[in-house]
Amino acid sequence: MTRAVASEFADRGMRCCALMLAWADNIFDSDDPGDVRDLERSPLGRVTRTEEIAGTVAFLVSEEAGAITGSTVTVDAGYLCR
């Protein structure tokens, strides 16, 4: 869908990207044994910080990312690598 929207609106100067997230610190519960166990799955050994998600969005809407469209960016502290 991201690619279709990017293709459809590119001639109007609009870009479209998607973020793929696993889980972030705003929903991580250090008292939940399941959450703590799942943390082992992250290569970075931590969850994504909400500031990192915001920073990625800020980059994608900036001129520095002007050539990025139709892409999905994964922001998950490596969680989906395993």
N, C-alpha and C. Protein backbone atom coordinates (compact mmCIF):
# COMPACT_ATOMS: atom_id res chain seq x y z
N MET A 1 0.82 -1.19 0.00
CA MET A 1 0.00 0.00 0.00
C MET A 1 0.87 1.26 0.00
N THR A 2 1.97 1.22 0.77
CA THR A 2 2.87 2.38 0.82
C THR A 2 3.42 2.69 -0.56
N ARG A 3 3.82 1.67 -1.28
CA ARG A 3 4.35 1.89 -2.63
C ARG A 3 3.28 2.43 -3.57
N ALA A 4 2.07 1.91 -3.45
CA ALA A 4 0.98 2.38 -4.31
C ALA A 4 0.67 3.85 -4.06
N VAL A 5 0.59 4.23 -2.80
CA VAL A 5 0.32 5.64 -2.46
C VAL A 5 1.47 6.52 -2.93
N ALA A 6 2.71 6.05 -2.72
CA ALA A 6 3.88 6.83 -3.16
C ALA A 6 3.85 7.04 -4.67
N SER A 7 3.51 6.01 -5.41
CA SER A 7 3.44 6.12 -6.87
C SER A 7 2.32 7.05 -7.31
N GLU A 8 1.19 6.94 -6.65
CA GLU A 8 0.01 7.72 -7.02
C GLU A 8 0.22 9.22 -6.83
N PHE A 9 0.91 9.61 -5.78
CA PHE A 9 1.00 11.02 -5.44
C PHE A 9 2.37 11.65 -5.68
N ALA A 10 3.31 10.90 -6.22
CA ALA A 10 4.65 11.43 -6.46
C ALA A 10 4.64 12.64 -7.38
N ASP A 11 3.78 12.63 -8.39
CA ASP A 11 3.74 13.74 -9.34
C ASP A 11 3.21 15.03 -8.71
N ARG A 12 2.65 14.92 -7.52
CA ARG A 12 2.17 16.10 -6.78
C ARG A 12 3.16 16.52 -5.70
N GLY A 13 4.33 15.90 -5.72
CA GLY A 13 5.37 16.26 -4.76
C GLY A 13 5.19 15.64 -3.38
N MET A 14 4.33 14.65 -3.29
CA MET A 14 4.10 14.02 -1.99
C MET A 14 4.83 12.68 -1.92
N ARG A 15 5.33 12.39 -0.73
CA ARG A 15 6.00 11.13 -0.48
C ARG A 15 5.20 10.34 0.55
N CYS A 16 5.39 9.04 0.55
CA CYS A 16 4.69 8.19 1.51
C CYS A 16 5.65 7.13 2.02
N CYS A 17 5.79 7.04 3.32
CA CYS A 17 6.60 6.01 3.95
C CYS A 17 5.81 5.41 5.10
N ALA A 18 6.21 4.23 5.50
CA ALA A 18 5.57 3.56 6.64
C ALA A 18 6.62 3.21 7.67
N LEU A 19 6.21 3.18 8.92
CA LEU A 19 7.08 2.72 9.99
C LEU A 19 6.59 1.35 10.45
N MET A 20 7.53 0.43 10.63
CA MET A 20 7.20 -0.87 11.20
C MET A 20 7.80 -0.90 12.60
N LEU A 21 6.94 -1.05 13.57
CA LEU A 21 7.37 -1.04 14.96
C LEU A 21 7.08 -2.39 15.60
N ALA A 22 7.88 -2.78 16.56
CA ALA A 22 7.59 -3.98 17.33
C ALA A 22 6.96 -3.53 18.65
N TRP A 23 7.76 -3.08 19.59
CA TRP A 23 7.22 -2.51 20.81
C TRP A 23 8.20 -1.49 21.33
N ALA A 24 7.69 -0.58 22.12
CA ALA A 24 8.50 0.54 22.58
C ALA A 24 8.36 0.70 24.08
N ASP A 25 9.18 1.58 24.62
CA ASP A 25 9.22 1.76 26.07
C ASP A 25 7.90 2.24 26.68
N ASN A 26 7.05 2.83 25.87
CA ASN A 26 5.78 3.31 26.43
C ASN A 26 4.80 2.17 26.74
N ILE A 27 5.08 0.96 26.24
CA ILE A 27 4.20 -0.17 26.56
C ILE A 27 4.96 -1.31 27.23
N PHE A 28 6.27 -1.18 27.37
CA PHE A 28 7.07 -2.23 28.00
C PHE A 28 6.82 -2.21 29.50
N ASP A 29 6.57 -3.39 30.07
CA ASP A 29 6.31 -3.51 31.50
C ASP A 29 7.40 -4.38 32.12
N SER A 30 8.31 -3.77 32.84
CA SER A 30 9.43 -4.51 33.43
C SER A 30 8.97 -5.48 34.51
N ASP A 31 7.73 -5.36 34.97
CA ASP A 31 7.18 -6.30 35.95
C ASP A 31 6.49 -7.49 35.30
N ASP A 32 6.36 -7.48 33.99
CA ASP A 32 5.71 -8.57 33.26
C ASP A 32 6.78 -9.56 32.80
N PRO A 33 6.74 -10.79 33.32
CA PRO A 33 7.76 -11.78 32.93
C PRO A 33 7.79 -12.03 31.42
N GLY A 34 6.65 -11.94 30.76
CA GLY A 34 6.62 -12.13 29.31
C GLY A 34 7.37 -11.03 28.58
N ASP A 35 7.19 -9.79 29.02
CA ASP A 35 7.92 -8.67 28.40
C ASP A 35 9.42 -8.82 28.63
N VAL A 36 9.80 -9.19 29.85
CA VAL A 36 11.21 -9.35 30.16
C VAL A 36 11.81 -10.48 29.34
N ARG A 37 11.09 -11.59 29.18
CA ARG A 37 11.56 -12.71 28.37
C ARG A 37 11.72 -12.29 26.91
N ASP A 38 10.76 -11.55 26.40
CA ASP A 38 10.84 -11.10 25.01
C ASP A 38 12.01 -10.15 24.77
N LEU A 39 12.46 -9.49 25.80
CA LEU A 39 13.58 -8.57 25.67
C LEU A 39 14.84 -9.30 25.19
N GLU A 40 14.95 -10.58 25.53
CA GLU A 40 16.09 -11.38 25.07
C GLU A 40 16.13 -11.49 23.55
N ARG A 41 15.00 -11.31 22.92
CA ARG A 41 14.92 -11.42 21.47
C ARG A 41 15.52 -10.20 20.76
N SER A 42 15.68 -9.11 21.47
CA SER A 42 16.20 -7.89 20.87
C SER A 42 17.72 -7.90 20.84
N PRO A 43 18.34 -7.81 19.67
CA PRO A 43 19.80 -7.78 19.59
C PRO A 43 20.41 -6.63 20.40
N LEU A 44 19.70 -5.53 20.53
CA LEU A 44 20.23 -4.41 21.31
C LEU A 44 19.96 -4.58 22.81
N GLY A 45 19.18 -5.59 23.16
CA GLY A 45 18.91 -5.87 24.56
C GLY A 45 18.01 -4.86 25.24
N ARG A 46 17.21 -4.18 24.44
CA ARG A 46 16.32 -3.16 24.99
C ARG A 46 15.17 -2.94 24.01
N VAL A 47 14.17 -2.22 24.48
CA VAL A 47 13.08 -1.84 23.59
C VAL A 47 13.41 -0.50 22.95
N THR A 48 12.66 -0.17 21.92
CA THR A 48 12.83 1.10 21.25
C THR A 48 12.31 2.23 22.13
N ARG A 49 13.04 3.31 22.17
CA ARG A 49 12.58 4.49 22.91
C ARG A 49 11.65 5.30 22.01
N THR A 50 10.62 5.85 22.59
CA THR A 50 9.67 6.64 21.79
C THR A 50 10.37 7.81 21.10
N GLU A 51 11.43 8.33 21.71
CA GLU A 51 12.18 9.42 21.08
C GLU A 51 12.84 8.96 19.78
N GLU A 52 13.22 7.68 19.72
CA GLU A 52 13.82 7.15 18.49
C GLU A 52 12.79 7.05 17.38
N ILE A 53 11.58 6.71 17.74
CA ILE A 53 10.50 6.67 16.75
C ILE A 53 10.24 8.08 16.24
N ALA A 54 10.14 9.03 17.16
CA ALA A 54 9.90 10.43 16.77
C ALA A 54 11.04 10.96 15.90
N GLY A 55 12.26 10.61 16.24
CA GLY A 55 13.41 11.05 15.45
C GLY A 55 13.39 10.50 14.04
N THR A 56 12.95 9.25 13.90
CA THR A 56 12.84 8.65 12.57
C THR A 56 11.77 9.35 11.75
N VAL A 57 10.65 9.64 12.37
CA VAL A 57 9.58 10.36 11.67
C VAL A 57 10.07 11.75 11.26
N ALA A 58 10.76 12.44 12.17
CA ALA A 58 11.28 13.78 11.86
C ALA A 58 12.24 13.71 10.67
N PHE A 59 13.07 12.70 10.63
CA PHE A 59 13.97 12.54 9.49
C PHE A 59 13.19 12.31 8.20
N LEU A 60 12.22 11.41 8.24
CA LEU A 60 11.47 11.06 7.02
C LEU A 60 10.70 12.24 6.45
N VAL A 61 10.27 13.17 7.28
CA VAL A 61 9.55 14.33 6.75
C VAL A 61 10.48 15.48 6.39
N SER A 62 11.78 15.31 6.65
CA SER A 62 12.73 16.38 6.36
C SER A 62 13.20 16.34 4.90
N GLU A 63 13.83 17.41 4.49
CA GLU A 63 14.39 17.48 3.13
C GLU A 63 15.53 16.48 2.95
N GLU A 64 16.22 16.12 4.03
CA GLU A 64 17.31 15.14 3.92
C GLU A 64 16.80 13.79 3.44
N ALA A 65 15.53 13.51 3.65
CA ALA A 65 14.92 12.25 3.20
C ALA A 65 14.10 12.46 1.94
N GLY A 66 14.38 13.52 1.22
CA GLY A 66 13.59 13.88 0.06
C GLY A 66 13.51 12.83 -1.04
N ALA A 67 14.45 11.92 -1.09
CA ALA A 67 14.44 10.87 -2.12
C ALA A 67 13.87 9.56 -1.60
N ILE A 68 13.38 9.56 -0.37
CA ILE A 68 12.83 8.33 0.21
C ILE A 68 11.31 8.37 0.10
N THR A 69 10.78 7.42 -0.64
CA THR A 69 9.33 7.28 -0.77
C THR A 69 9.01 5.84 -1.12
N GLY A 70 7.86 5.39 -0.70
CA GLY A 70 7.45 4.02 -0.97
C GLY A 70 8.18 3.00 -0.12
N SER A 71 8.82 3.45 0.94
CA SER A 71 9.62 2.56 1.78
C SER A 71 8.96 2.30 3.12
N THR A 72 9.32 1.16 3.69
CA THR A 72 8.94 0.85 5.06
C THR A 72 10.21 0.84 5.89
N VAL A 73 10.23 1.61 6.95
CA VAL A 73 11.39 1.71 7.83
C VAL A 73 11.07 1.00 9.14
N THR A 74 11.92 0.05 9.50
CA THR A 74 11.71 -0.70 10.73
C THR A 74 12.46 -0.01 11.86
N VAL A 75 11.73 0.30 12.93
CA VAL A 75 12.32 0.93 14.12
C VAL A 75 11.93 0.05 15.30
N ASP A 76 12.82 -0.89 15.65
CA ASP A 76 12.42 -1.89 16.66
C ASP A 76 13.58 -2.42 17.51
N ALA A 77 14.68 -1.70 17.56
CA ALA A 77 15.87 -2.14 18.33
C ALA A 77 16.35 -3.52 17.87
N GLY A 78 16.04 -3.87 16.63
CA GLY A 78 16.48 -5.14 16.06
C GLY A 78 15.58 -6.31 16.38
N TYR A 79 14.47 -6.08 17.02
CA TYR A 79 13.56 -7.13 17.49
C TYR A 79 13.15 -8.11 16.38
N LEU A 80 12.87 -7.59 15.19
CA LEU A 80 12.40 -8.45 14.10
C LEU A 80 13.53 -9.16 13.36
N CYS A 81 14.78 -8.90 13.75
CA CYS A 81 15.91 -9.59 13.13
C CYS A 81 15.96 -11.06 13.51
N ARG A 82 15.38 -11.38 14.63
CA ARG A 82 15.46 -12.77 15.12
C ARG A 82 14.16 -13.47 15.01
